[in-house]
Amino acid sequence: MKPTNLLRIALYFFSASFLTLMYGIFAVLPSAEKNVHLSIADTDILLDKFELTIVFKVGLLVISIGYLIAAKLHLPLISALTMLHALLTFGSMICCGICSLLLSRPVMENVAFWLVATSLGAQLLFVINIGYGMLNRKICPKRLSEMARS
């Protein structure tokens, strides 16, 4: 994948990170309901919504920095994996937002769980792609001569 395309994808993830923070500040903080209640195997888990948005923001920021570094190092990433990762991540975020507007609360909690699980599974593609790029990185002769001089 070309470095310019990787920079574009890094910008998309950085923008999503910024928008997630804005959503947390303007939609989550003023809301009356501050917690997300999860019930998994008879275990109740309460998560603060704003803290959850910060976790998502940091995750998107780390991915953005990862793609930025991959572009600067000219890592040979697999374009299909990169596009699949971006589509699954952003697609699940958009579907989660649309479903929260259209579905009732109990149905939405179930759908949101699967969409978040899909998004987290997509992050495995990012790790595989970056690992592949680091293992198959070739140093071009121009860089070798630059390294030898310094």
Foldseek 3Di string as FASTA:
>chain_A
DALVVLLVVLVVLLVVLVVLLVCLVPPQVVDPDQWDWDQDPNDIDIDGPSVVSNVSSVVSNVLSVLSNVCSVLVFPFDPVLVVVLSCLQVVLVVVLVVCVVPDDDVVSVVSNVVSVVSNVVSVVSSVVRSVNRVVPPDDDPVVVVVVVVD
